Amino acid sequence: MSKALLRSGFIVSAMTLISRVLGLVRDVVIANLMGAGAAADVFFFANKIPNFLRRLFAEGAFAQAFVPVLTEYKQGQPLEQQRLLIARVSGTLGTIVTIVTLVGMLASPVVAALFGTGWFLDWWHDGPQGEKFVLASDLLRITFPYLWFITFTAMAGAILNTLGKFAVAAFTPVFLNIAIIAAAIWLAPNLEQPEFGLAWGVFFGGLIQFLFQIPFLKRAGLLTRPRWGWHDSGVTRIRKLMLPAIFGVSVSQINLLLDTLIASFLMTGSISWLYYSDRLLEFPLGLFGIAIATVILPALSSRHVDKSTENFSATLDWGLRMVLLLGLPAMAGLFFLAEPMLMVLFMHGAFTPNDAEMASYSLMAYSAGLLSFMLVKVLATGFYSRQDTKRPVKFGIIAMVANMALNVVFAIPFSYVGLAMATAASAALNAILLGVTLHRERVLVIQPGTWAFVARVVIAVAVMVAVVLWLTPSVQQWRDMSLVARPWQLAQIIGAGAGAYLLVLLIGGLRPRHLRAQEY
């Protein structure tokens, strides 16, 4: 079992790595083209809204509800029944998403006013930032259809993941990044307002992702004609699981939207600085946290169906160990190398040294919550795989309310950085509530040797941080370096830190067999 999880985790991480690297290239191109000005703020805003809804209808809540039910059908029903479930789910979900997409396009000014209230009020009073509200309304009409494309893309990916075909879904986001990069290089510079070119890149990226999945579904024999099936027993179960899961899985996304709402009242650049720092955070989160959660969800669902309690707990414990092994050094690296990373990746073209400095503050705040974000992803699967969505919702709501309160508390003295601090703190609260509940109910039983494993990782991270701080030049030295010298210096520091981390782990006795469930 553990070898299969390791293999699946490696496949998803490898495919995700390609996607994330291209995602960074995409953001580098956008930063060079638009920097962190008003137009950049509005484009990131218009891109964030459909991505938030994607979490509700597609990758987050839907996948957590759909995969356990489809797993049961896969293990206990013939292929024809599986096809019927997929047809009715796609028809029902597709109808709802189509309506939401059309409403979002037609009512884009209302959406822009709802989530960009600061801009709307400025427009209402003929203020200087009123043009941001008008631009946001126009861009949303182009980016909103992305929701429709990505919903069916995510559904196809969930089906393929249930079949153990993780690579296809993990690779699919590559096409979105390619589309936006192409639009930024060849389309946007030729337009009077480059942000419209980027918006069309989002639209066509979603379309290509959708079309890419179809052949793989057909080859698996699960490509069916959508049918309406609101009262179908399988659809009903998914609906009941999905509704609370919307809140449980999407807490971090709702928090980010609240950040955007408050940031619309702050100085120009706030949304962009939060975006660029969040993008660097998403790199390890997607590469490690989401990848681990993706591969253990079908495994946990199968253990639940088989009523294999010990294996269920061992699989969940394995997921937590992998998160600590990969997430803790990533968190430390982002925190202590925040500004150098932003300089290397984005500081050219329209992105200034001041933008790098300002974004580094929010990146440090976000990075403090990276481990919590990853733990939430993995711990939540311990509930959703057992078709328990109510309690994650309860914990998610508690964390969201805490985030709203902390936004006010932190934003007053720390401006946009306070928003990142509040998001990180609420994620930690969410992870604690999930973990304590699973442990108290004996769903998560810490395996023999896990605490020793954690101690070794913590010691290795401490040594890694010491090496990184010793080798890191001052901020002024970073700024004085050439465009070629800067990435080379950063690569040397990261390489030395990673080498020190691995060396200390090996000296401490960590071996590959310790990464396998039930063998440490």
Protein backbone atom coordinates (compact mmCIF):
# COMPACT_ATOMS: atom_id res chain seq x y z
CA MET A 1 0.00 0.00 0.00
CA SER A 2 2.70 2.49 0.98
CA LYS A 3 4.71 1.85 -2.20
CA ALA A 4 1.63 2.57 -4.29
CA LEU A 5 1.02 5.81 -2.37
CA LEU A 6 4.64 6.86 -2.78
CA ARG A 7 4.51 6.12 -6.50
CA SER A 8 1.20 7.99 -6.93
CA GLY A 9 2.48 10.86 -4.83
CA PHE A 10 5.62 11.08 -6.94
CA ILE A 11 3.60 11.09 -10.18
CA VAL A 12 1.25 13.82 -8.96
CA SER A 13 4.14 15.88 -7.58
CA ALA A 14 6.12 15.53 -10.82
CA MET A 15 3.17 16.63 -12.95
CA THR A 16 2.33 19.38 -10.49
CA LEU A 17 5.95 20.54 -10.55
CA ILE A 18 5.74 21.07 -14.31
CA SER A 19 2.52 23.00 -13.86
CA ARG A 20 3.83 25.10 -10.98
CA VAL A 21 7.06 25.94 -12.78
CA LEU A 22 5.06 27.13 -15.77
CA GLY A 23 2.79 28.97 -13.35
CA LEU A 24 5.81 30.85 -12.03
CA VAL A 25 6.90 31.58 -15.61
CA ARG A 26 3.39 32.89 -16.25
CA ASP A 27 3.58 35.18 -13.21
CA VAL A 28 7.06 36.36 -14.19
CA VAL A 29 5.73 37.33 -17.63
CA ILE A 30 2.71 39.09 -16.10
CA ALA A 31 4.91 40.95 -13.59
CA ASN A 32 7.20 42.08 -16.39
CA LEU A 33 4.21 43.27 -18.44
CA MET A 34 2.05 44.86 -15.74
CA GLY A 35 4.00 45.07 -12.46
CA ALA A 36 1.82 45.78 -9.41
CA GLY A 37 -0.18 48.75 -10.64
CA ALA A 38 -3.90 49.44 -10.93
CA ALA A 39 -4.45 47.31 -14.07
CA ALA A 40 -2.65 44.37 -12.45
CA ASP A 41 -4.82 44.71 -9.34
CA VAL A 42 -7.98 44.53 -11.46
CA PHE A 43 -6.82 41.57 -13.58
CA PHE A 44 -5.91 39.53 -10.50
CA PHE A 45 -9.29 40.44 -9.03
CA ALA A 46 -11.16 39.32 -12.19
CA ASN A 47 -9.19 36.09 -12.24
CA LYS A 48 -9.76 35.35 -8.55
CA ILE A 49 -13.59 35.36 -8.63
CA PRO A 50 -14.10 32.40 -11.03
CA ASN A 51 -11.24 30.59 -9.30
CA PHE A 52 -13.04 30.97 -5.99
CA LEU A 53 -16.23 29.50 -7.49
CA ARG A 54 -14.12 26.72 -8.99
CA ARG A 55 -13.37 25.58 -5.46
CA LEU A 56 -17.07 25.43 -4.72
CA PHE A 57 -18.28 23.67 -7.87
CA ALA A 58 -15.19 21.79 -8.95
CA GLU A 59 -11.84 20.90 -7.42
CA GLY A 60 -12.60 21.40 -3.75
CA ALA A 61 -16.04 20.65 -2.42
CA PHE A 62 -17.22 18.62 -5.41
CA ALA A 63 -14.18 16.34 -5.54
CA GLN A 64 -14.34 15.65 -1.80
CA ALA A 65 -18.00 14.60 -2.14
CA PHE A 66 -17.80 12.86 -5.52
CA VAL A 67 -14.71 10.66 -5.09
CA PRO A 68 -15.95 8.64 -2.04
CA VAL A 69 -19.32 7.96 -3.71
CA LEU A 70 -17.75 7.01 -7.04
CA THR A 71 -15.29 4.77 -5.18
CA GLU A 72 -18.21 2.86 -3.68
CA TYR A 73 -19.78 2.47 -7.13
CA LYS A 74 -16.45 1.33 -8.56
CA GLN A 75 -16.06 -1.39 -5.90
CA GLY A 76 -19.69 -2.56 -5.77
CA GLN A 77 -21.46 -1.64 -9.02
CA PRO A 78 -21.05 -2.69 -12.67
CA LEU A 79 -19.53 -0.30 -15.23
CA GLU A 80 -22.95 0.68 -16.57
CA GLN A 81 -24.05 1.95 -13.17
CA GLN A 82 -20.84 3.94 -12.86
CA ARG A 83 -21.50 5.48 -16.27
CA LEU A 84 -25.06 6.34 -15.25
CA LEU A 85 -23.85 8.06 -12.06
CA ILE A 86 -21.32 10.09 -14.04
CA ALA A 87 -23.94 11.05 -16.63
CA ARG A 88 -26.41 12.26 -14.02
CA VAL A 89 -23.79 14.07 -11.95
CA SER A 90 -22.37 15.84 -15.01
CA GLY A 91 -25.84 16.77 -16.24
CA THR A 92 -27.01 18.11 -12.90
CA LEU A 93 -23.80 19.92 -12.00
CA GLY A 94 -23.41 21.19 -15.56
CA THR A 95 -26.87 22.77 -15.58
CA ILE A 96 -26.25 24.58 -12.31
CA VAL A 97 -22.82 25.81 -13.35
CA THR A 98 -24.13 26.97 -16.72
CA ILE A 99 -26.74 29.12 -14.98
CA VAL A 100 -24.20 30.51 -12.52
CA THR A 101 -21.77 31.31 -15.34
CA LEU A 102 -24.39 33.14 -17.41
CA VAL A 103 -25.60 35.10 -14.39
CA GLY A 104 -22.00 35.99 -13.51
CA MET A 105 -21.34 37.31 -17.01
CA LEU A 106 -24.58 39.29 -17.25
CA ALA A 107 -24.35 40.64 -13.72
CA SER A 108 -20.60 41.27 -13.69
CA PRO A 109 -21.02 44.84 -12.31
CA VAL A 110 -22.90 43.41 -9.34
CA VAL A 111 -20.16 40.82 -8.76
CA ALA A 112 -17.48 43.51 -9.05
CA ALA A 113 -19.34 45.71 -6.57
CA LEU A 114 -19.82 42.82 -4.14
CA PHE A 115 -16.16 41.77 -3.97
CA GLY A 116 -14.54 45.10 -4.86
CA THR A 117 -16.67 47.33 -2.67
CA GLY A 118 -13.92 49.91 -2.22
CA TRP A 119 -13.66 50.45 -5.98
CA PHE A 120 -17.44 50.55 -6.35
CA LEU A 121 -17.83 53.23 -3.67
CA ASP A 122 -15.08 55.25 -5.32
CA TRP A 123 -16.87 54.94 -8.69
CA TRP A 124 -20.17 55.92 -7.06
CA HIS A 125 -18.59 59.09 -5.69
CA ASP A 126 -16.59 59.83 -8.89
CA GLY A 127 -13.34 59.03 -7.08
CA PRO A 128 -9.96 58.36 -8.73
CA GLN A 129 -10.21 54.57 -8.34
CA GLY A 130 -13.68 54.34 -9.89
CA GLU A 131 -12.17 53.22 -13.20
CA LYS A 132 -11.02 50.03 -11.45
CA PHE A 133 -14.65 49.07 -10.87
CA VAL A 134 -15.56 49.60 -14.55
CA LEU A 135 -12.53 47.64 -15.73
CA ALA A 136 -13.26 44.80 -13.29
CA SER A 137 -16.82 44.50 -14.63
CA ASP A 138 -15.54 44.24 -18.21
CA LEU A 139 -12.83 41.69 -17.43
CA LEU A 140 -15.20 39.48 -15.45
CA ARG A 141 -17.34 38.95 -18.56
CA ILE A 142 -14.30 37.34 -20.21
CA THR A 143 -12.91 35.36 -17.28
CA PHE A 144 -16.20 34.03 -15.86
CA PRO A 145 -16.65 31.24 -18.48
CA TYR A 146 -13.46 29.72 -17.08
CA LEU A 147 -15.69 28.45 -14.26
CA TRP A 148 -17.73 26.35 -16.72
CA PHE A 149 -14.69 24.82 -18.41
CA ILE A 150 -12.81 24.04 -15.20
CA THR A 151 -15.84 22.44 -13.53
CA PHE A 152 -16.01 19.69 -16.13
CA THR A 153 -12.22 19.48 -16.22
CA ALA A 154 -12.16 18.88 -12.46
CA MET A 155 -14.92 16.30 -12.68
CA ALA A 156 -13.02 14.38 -15.35
CA GLY A 157 -9.89 14.59 -13.20
CA ALA A 158 -11.74 13.22 -10.16
CA ILE A 159 -12.98 10.27 -12.22
CA LEU A 160 -9.48 9.51 -13.52
CA ASN A 161 -8.00 9.84 -10.01
CA THR A 162 -10.50 7.27 -8.76
CA LEU A 163 -9.16 4.93 -11.45
CA GLY A 164 -5.61 5.58 -10.22
CA LYS A 165 -4.72 7.71 -13.29
CA PHE A 166 -3.34 10.70 -11.37
CA ALA A 167 -0.95 12.04 -14.00
CA VAL A 168 -3.59 13.33 -16.43
CA ALA A 169 -5.41 15.58 -13.96
CA ALA A 170 -2.15 16.79 -12.40
CA PHE A 171 -0.73 17.72 -15.82
CA THR A 172 -3.85 19.48 -17.13
CA PRO A 173 -3.17 22.92 -15.49
CA VAL A 174 -0.08 23.17 -17.69
CA PHE A 175 -2.35 24.20 -20.57
CA LEU A 176 -3.83 27.12 -18.65
CA ASN A 177 -0.36 28.45 -17.91
CA ILE A 178 0.72 28.02 -21.54
CA ALA A 179 -2.38 29.87 -22.75
CA ILE A 180 -1.82 32.83 -20.41
CA ILE A 181 1.91 32.99 -21.22
CA ALA A 182 1.10 32.97 -24.95
CA ALA A 183 -1.50 35.71 -24.47
CA ALA A 184 0.94 37.80 -22.40
CA ILE A 185 3.68 37.53 -25.02
CA TRP A 186 1.79 37.77 -28.31
CA LEU A 187 -1.66 39.23 -27.64
CA ALA A 188 -1.57 41.57 -24.64
CA PRO A 189 1.33 43.82 -25.82
CA ASN A 190 -0.60 44.58 -29.01
CA LEU A 191 -3.69 45.82 -27.14
CA GLU A 192 -4.25 49.28 -25.73
CA GLN A 193 -5.20 47.61 -22.44
CA PRO A 194 -2.97 44.52 -22.00
CA GLU A 195 -5.14 43.16 -19.18
CA PHE A 196 -7.80 42.20 -21.74
CA GLY A 197 -5.29 39.99 -23.52
CA LEU A 198 -4.52 38.21 -20.25
CA ALA A 199 -8.26 37.72 -19.61
CA TRP A 200 -8.65 36.03 -23.00
CA GLY A 201 -5.68 33.84 -22.07
CA VAL A 202 -7.66 32.63 -19.02
CA PHE A 203 -10.71 31.93 -21.24
CA PHE A 204 -8.85 29.85 -23.83
CA GLY A 205 -6.76 28.15 -21.15
CA GLY A 206 -9.94 26.83 -19.54
CA LEU A 207 -11.26 25.65 -22.92
CA ILE A 208 -8.07 23.73 -23.74
CA GLN A 209 -8.03 22.07 -20.31
CA PHE A 210 -11.60 20.89 -20.84
CA LEU A 211 -10.89 19.44 -24.30
CA PHE A 212 -7.70 17.71 -23.12
CA GLN A 213 -9.54 15.46 -20.65
CA ILE A 214 -12.12 14.07 -23.08
CA PRO A 215 -9.95 11.43 -24.87
CA PHE A 216 -8.82 9.93 -21.56
CA LEU A 217 -12.38 9.57 -20.31
CA LYS A 218 -13.38 7.95 -23.59
CA ARG A 219 -10.49 5.50 -23.39
CA ALA A 220 -11.59 4.54 -19.86
CA GLY A 221 -15.13 3.92 -21.10
CA LEU A 222 -16.59 6.61 -18.85
CA LEU A 223 -17.38 9.37 -21.35
CA THR A 224 -21.17 9.66 -21.27
CA ARG A 225 -23.89 12.05 -22.38
CA PRO A 226 -24.91 14.31 -19.45
CA ARG A 227 -28.39 13.76 -18.02
CA TRP A 228 -30.41 15.66 -15.45
CA GLY A 229 -30.62 13.60 -12.27
CA TRP A 230 -31.36 15.80 -9.28
CA HIS A 231 -33.25 13.04 -7.45
CA ASP A 232 -30.91 10.18 -8.41
CA SER A 233 -29.76 8.38 -5.25
CA GLY A 234 -26.06 8.86 -6.03
CA VAL A 235 -26.52 12.51 -6.98
CA THR A 236 -28.55 13.10 -3.83
CA ARG A 237 -25.77 11.67 -1.66
CA ILE A 238 -23.19 13.82 -3.44
CA ARG A 239 -25.37 16.90 -3.01
CA LYS A 240 -25.72 16.28 0.71
CA LEU A 241 -22.00 15.74 1.08
CA MET A 242 -21.08 18.64 -1.16
CA LEU A 243 -23.17 21.37 0.44
CA PRO A 244 -21.33 21.40 3.78
CA ALA A 245 -18.05 20.56 2.07
CA ILE A 246 -18.34 23.86 0.20
CA PHE A 247 -17.66 25.66 3.46
CA GLY A 248 -15.17 23.16 4.82
CA VAL A 249 -12.87 22.97 1.80
CA SER A 250 -13.29 26.55 0.62
CA VAL A 251 -12.47 28.32 3.89
CA SER A 252 -9.06 29.43 2.65
CA GLN A 253 -10.58 30.66 -0.62
CA ILE A 254 -13.29 32.59 1.21
CA ASN A 255 -10.61 34.10 3.40
CA LEU A 256 -8.67 35.18 0.31
CA LEU A 257 -11.79 36.81 -1.10
CA LEU A 258 -12.29 38.67 2.17
CA ASP A 259 -8.68 39.79 1.86
CA THR A 260 -9.46 41.06 -1.65
CA LEU A 261 -12.54 42.92 -0.44
CA ILE A 262 -10.61 44.70 2.31
CA ALA A 263 -7.62 45.27 0.03
CA SER A 264 -9.88 47.21 -2.36
CA PHE A 265 -9.96 49.89 0.35
CA LEU A 266 -6.16 49.92 0.74
CA MET A 267 -3.36 51.47 -1.32
CA THR A 268 -2.92 50.63 -4.98
CA GLY A 269 -0.72 47.57 -5.30
CA SER A 270 -2.10 45.76 -2.24
CA ILE A 271 -3.99 43.14 -4.27
CA SER A 272 -1.00 42.58 -6.55
CA TRP A 273 1.47 42.25 -3.66
CA LEU A 274 -0.83 39.72 -1.99
CA TYR A 275 -1.22 37.89 -5.31
CA TYR A 276 2.50 37.53 -6.03
CA SER A 277 3.24 36.37 -2.48
CA ASP A 278 0.31 33.95 -2.59
CA ARG A 279 1.61 32.51 -5.87
CA LEU A 280 4.93 31.61 -4.26
CA LEU A 281 3.03 30.05 -1.37
CA GLU A 282 0.91 28.01 -3.78
CA PHE A 283 4.01 26.42 -5.31
CA PRO A 284 4.91 24.14 -2.35
CA LEU A 285 1.26 23.88 -1.31
CA GLY A 286 0.28 22.39 -4.67
CA LEU A 287 3.48 20.44 -5.12
CA PHE A 288 3.33 18.74 -1.73
CA GLY A 289 0.14 19.41 0.28
CA ILE A 290 -2.49 19.09 -2.44
CA ALA A 291 -0.58 16.25 -4.14
CA ILE A 292 -0.49 14.20 -0.92
CA ALA A 293 -4.17 14.90 -0.18
CA THR A 294 -5.07 13.92 -3.76
CA VAL A 295 -3.44 10.51 -3.62
CA ILE A 296 -4.62 9.53 -0.13
CA LEU A 297 -8.30 10.47 -0.66
CA PRO A 298 -9.10 7.44 -2.90
CA ALA A 299 -6.95 5.22 -0.64
CA LEU A 300 -8.74 6.40 2.50
CA SER A 301 -12.13 6.00 0.81
CA SER A 302 -11.25 2.38 -0.03
CA ARG A 303 -10.05 1.71 3.54
CA HIS A 304 -13.36 3.09 4.82
CA VAL A 305 -15.39 0.90 2.46
CA ASP A 306 -13.29 -2.12 3.51
CA LYS A 307 -13.74 -1.14 7.18
CA SER A 308 -9.97 -1.39 7.58
CA THR A 309 -9.55 0.94 10.57
CA GLU A 310 -5.86 0.30 11.22
CA ASN A 311 -4.87 0.81 7.59
CA PHE A 312 -7.03 3.94 7.44
CA SER A 313 -5.17 5.45 10.40
CA ALA A 314 -1.78 4.36 9.06
CA THR A 315 -2.50 5.97 5.68
CA LEU A 316 -3.54 9.24 7.33
CA ASP A 317 -0.47 9.18 9.55
CA TRP A 318 1.70 8.62 6.46
CA GLY A 319 0.14 11.68 4.85
CA LEU A 320 0.96 13.81 7.90
CA ARG A 321 4.57 12.63 7.98
CA MET A 322 5.01 13.49 4.31
CA VAL A 323 3.54 16.94 4.93
CA LEU A 324 5.99 17.59 7.76
CA LEU A 325 8.95 16.20 5.82
CA LEU A 326 8.29 18.45 2.82
CA GLY A 327 6.25 21.32 4.24
CA LEU A 328 8.38 22.40 7.21
CA PRO A 329 11.57 23.12 5.19
CA ALA A 330 9.47 24.78 2.46
CA MET A 331 7.86 27.04 5.07
CA ALA A 332 11.23 28.03 6.52
CA GLY A 333 12.72 28.63 3.08
CA LEU A 334 9.88 30.91 1.99
CA PHE A 335 10.06 32.90 5.22
CA PHE A 336 13.79 33.56 5.26
CA LEU A 337 14.25 33.97 1.49
CA ALA A 338 11.04 35.87 0.76
CA GLU A 339 12.50 39.04 -0.75
CA PRO A 340 15.36 37.36 -2.66
CA MET A 341 12.88 34.96 -4.28
CA LEU A 342 10.59 37.81 -5.32
CA MET A 343 13.56 39.74 -6.70
CA VAL A 344 14.81 36.80 -8.74
CA LEU A 345 11.41 35.90 -10.15
CA PHE A 346 9.67 39.21 -10.68
CA MET A 347 12.00 42.22 -10.32
CA HIS A 348 12.31 43.39 -13.90
CA GLY A 349 10.15 45.30 -16.35
CA ALA A 350 7.24 46.97 -14.57
CA PHE A 351 7.92 45.18 -11.25
CA THR A 352 10.08 47.47 -9.09
CA PRO A 353 12.39 46.87 -6.08
CA ASN A 354 9.72 48.51 -3.94
CA ASP A 355 7.18 45.94 -5.19
CA ALA A 356 9.56 43.13 -4.23
CA GLU A 357 10.00 44.57 -0.74
CA MET A 358 6.29 45.14 -0.19
CA ALA A 359 5.32 41.68 -1.48
CA SER A 360 8.00 40.05 0.70
CA TYR A 361 6.24 41.22 3.86
CA SER A 362 2.99 39.50 2.90
CA LEU A 363 4.91 36.41 1.71
CA MET A 364 6.57 36.08 5.12
CA ALA A 365 3.16 36.33 6.78
CA TYR A 366 1.60 33.79 4.41
CA SER A 367 4.56 31.39 4.73
CA ALA A 368 4.05 31.20 8.49
CA GLY A 369 0.80 29.41 7.70
CA LEU A 370 2.08 27.10 4.94
CA LEU A 371 2.32 24.03 7.15
CA SER A 372 -1.20 24.70 8.45
CA PHE A 373 -2.58 25.04 4.91
CA MET A 374 -1.01 21.68 4.00
CA LEU A 375 -2.24 19.98 7.18
CA VAL A 376 -5.79 21.16 6.53
CA LYS A 377 -5.68 19.61 3.05
CA VAL A 378 -4.58 16.23 4.42
CA LEU A 379 -6.57 16.17 7.67
CA ALA A 380 -9.80 17.07 5.86
CA THR A 381 -9.52 13.88 3.81
CA GLY A 382 -9.84 11.94 7.09
CA PHE A 383 -13.40 13.28 7.30
CA TYR A 384 -14.45 13.43 3.65
CA SER A 385 -13.26 9.90 2.86
CA ARG A 386 -15.68 8.72 5.58
CA GLN A 387 -18.42 10.93 4.06
CA ASP A 388 -18.39 13.12 7.15
CA THR A 389 -18.71 16.70 5.95
CA LYS A 390 -20.57 18.34 8.81
CA ARG A 391 -17.74 18.68 11.28
CA PRO A 392 -15.17 20.09 8.82
CA VAL A 393 -17.84 22.67 7.99
CA LYS A 394 -18.23 23.53 11.64
CA PHE A 395 -14.47 23.92 12.05
CA GLY A 396 -14.24 25.84 8.79
CA ILE A 397 -16.87 28.33 9.87
CA ILE A 398 -15.09 28.84 13.20
CA ALA A 399 -11.83 29.48 11.35
CA MET A 400 -13.54 31.81 8.88
CA VAL A 401 -15.14 33.89 11.63
CA ALA A 402 -11.77 34.07 13.38
CA ASN A 403 -10.18 35.21 10.12
CA MET A 404 -12.77 37.96 9.67
CA ALA A 405 -12.12 39.24 13.18
CA LEU A 406 -8.36 39.02 12.78
CA ASN A 407 -8.56 40.84 9.43
CA VAL A 408 -9.90 43.87 11.26
CA VAL A 409 -7.48 43.53 14.16
CA PHE A 410 -4.36 43.07 11.99
CA ALA A 411 -5.26 45.22 8.96
CA ILE A 412 -5.47 48.44 10.98
CA PRO A 413 -1.81 48.44 12.13
CA PHE A 414 -0.30 46.22 9.40
CA SER A 415 -2.40 47.09 6.29
CA TYR A 416 -2.31 44.36 3.59
CA VAL A 417 0.30 42.34 5.56
CA GLY A 418 -2.25 42.00 8.35
CA LEU A 419 -4.60 40.27 5.91
CA ALA A 420 -1.97 37.62 5.23
CA MET A 421 -1.29 37.26 8.95
CA ALA A 422 -4.98 36.70 9.64
CA THR A 423 -5.25 34.08 6.89
CA ALA A 424 -2.28 32.15 8.28
CA ALA A 425 -3.63 32.28 11.84
CA SER A 426 -7.09 31.04 10.81
CA ALA A 427 -5.52 28.15 8.88
CA ALA A 428 -3.63 27.11 12.02
CA LEU A 429 -6.87 27.15 14.01
CA ASN A 430 -8.60 25.03 11.36
CA ALA A 431 -5.77 22.47 11.32
CA ILE A 432 -5.80 22.18 15.13
CA LEU A 433 -9.55 21.59 15.25
CA LEU A 434 -9.39 18.92 12.54
CA GLY A 435 -6.36 17.13 13.98
CA VAL A 436 -7.51 17.11 17.61
CA THR A 437 -10.92 15.71 16.63
CA LEU A 438 -9.45 12.91 14.50
CA HIS A 439 -6.99 11.98 17.23
CA ARG A 440 -9.57 12.09 20.02
CA GLU A 441 -11.85 9.73 18.09
CA ARG A 442 -8.96 7.34 17.35
CA VAL A 443 -9.42 7.85 13.60
CA LEU A 444 -5.89 9.20 13.57
CA VAL A 445 -3.59 7.09 15.70
CA ILE A 446 0.02 8.26 15.70
CA GLN A 447 2.14 5.34 14.50
CA PRO A 448 5.21 4.06 16.39
CA GLY A 449 8.21 6.22 15.61
CA THR A 450 6.29 9.18 14.24
CA TRP A 451 7.33 11.55 17.03
CA ALA A 452 10.98 10.58 16.53
CA PHE A 453 10.45 11.26 12.82
CA VAL A 454 9.10 14.74 13.63
CA ALA A 455 12.04 15.49 15.95
CA ARG A 456 14.54 14.61 13.23
CA VAL A 457 12.76 16.85 10.74
CA VAL A 458 12.68 19.80 13.17
CA ILE A 459 16.41 19.48 13.94
CA ALA A 460 17.24 19.21 10.23
CA VAL A 461 15.17 22.33 9.45
CA ALA A 462 16.96 24.27 12.21
CA VAL A 463 20.33 23.40 10.68
CA MET A 464 19.02 24.29 7.22
CA VAL A 465 17.89 27.74 8.42
CA ALA A 466 21.29 28.39 10.02
CA VAL A 467 23.04 27.56 6.73
CA VAL A 468 20.65 29.76 4.73
CA LEU A 469 21.06 32.76 7.05
CA TRP A 470 24.85 32.37 7.03
CA LEU A 471 25.02 32.41 3.23
CA THR A 472 22.36 35.06 2.49
CA PRO A 473 23.66 38.53 1.43
CA SER A 474 22.05 41.77 2.58
CA VAL A 475 19.06 43.24 0.74
CA GLN A 476 21.22 45.97 -0.78
CA GLN A 477 23.69 43.38 -2.05
CA TRP A 478 20.82 41.49 -3.67
CA ARG A 479 19.65 44.68 -5.40
CA ASP A 480 23.15 45.48 -6.63
CA MET A 481 23.54 42.06 -8.30
CA SER A 482 23.00 41.61 -12.03
CA LEU A 483 20.01 39.72 -13.44
CA VAL A 484 22.29 36.74 -14.08
CA ALA A 485 24.12 36.77 -10.72
CA ARG A 486 20.94 37.02 -8.63
CA PRO A 487 19.35 33.66 -9.58
CA TRP A 488 22.71 31.90 -9.43
CA GLN A 489 23.28 33.18 -5.89
CA LEU A 490 19.76 32.13 -4.83
CA ALA A 491 20.19 28.67 -6.36
CA GLN A 492 23.44 28.19 -4.42
CA ILE A 493 21.78 29.17 -1.14
CA ILE A 494 18.76 26.90 -1.72
CA GLY A 495 21.02 24.05 -2.80
CA ALA A 496 23.22 24.41 0.29
CA GLY A 497 20.17 24.60 2.56
CA ALA A 498 18.55 21.53 0.97
CA GLY A 499 21.83 19.64 1.14
CA ALA A 500 22.23 20.45 4.83
CA TYR A 501 18.63 19.38 5.48
CA LEU A 502 19.06 16.00 3.79
CA LEU A 503 22.47 15.41 5.34
CA VAL A 504 21.18 15.97 8.88
CA LEU A 505 18.25 13.62 8.19
CA LEU A 506 20.63 10.92 6.98
CA ILE A 507 22.98 11.41 9.93
CA GLY A 508 19.94 11.18 12.20
CA GLY A 509 19.15 7.75 10.81
CA LEU A 510 16.30 8.54 8.39
CA ARG A 511 16.14 5.99 5.56
CA PRO A 512 13.78 5.47 2.58
CA ARG A 513 11.96 2.67 4.40
CA HIS A 514 10.87 5.20 7.02
CA LEU A 515 8.76 6.92 4.35
CA ARG A 516 6.55 3.86 4.01
CA ALA A 517 3.39 3.48 6.00
CA GLN A 518 3.42 0.92 8.82
CA GLU A 519 7.19 0.44 8.54
CA TYR A 520 8.61 3.05 10.88
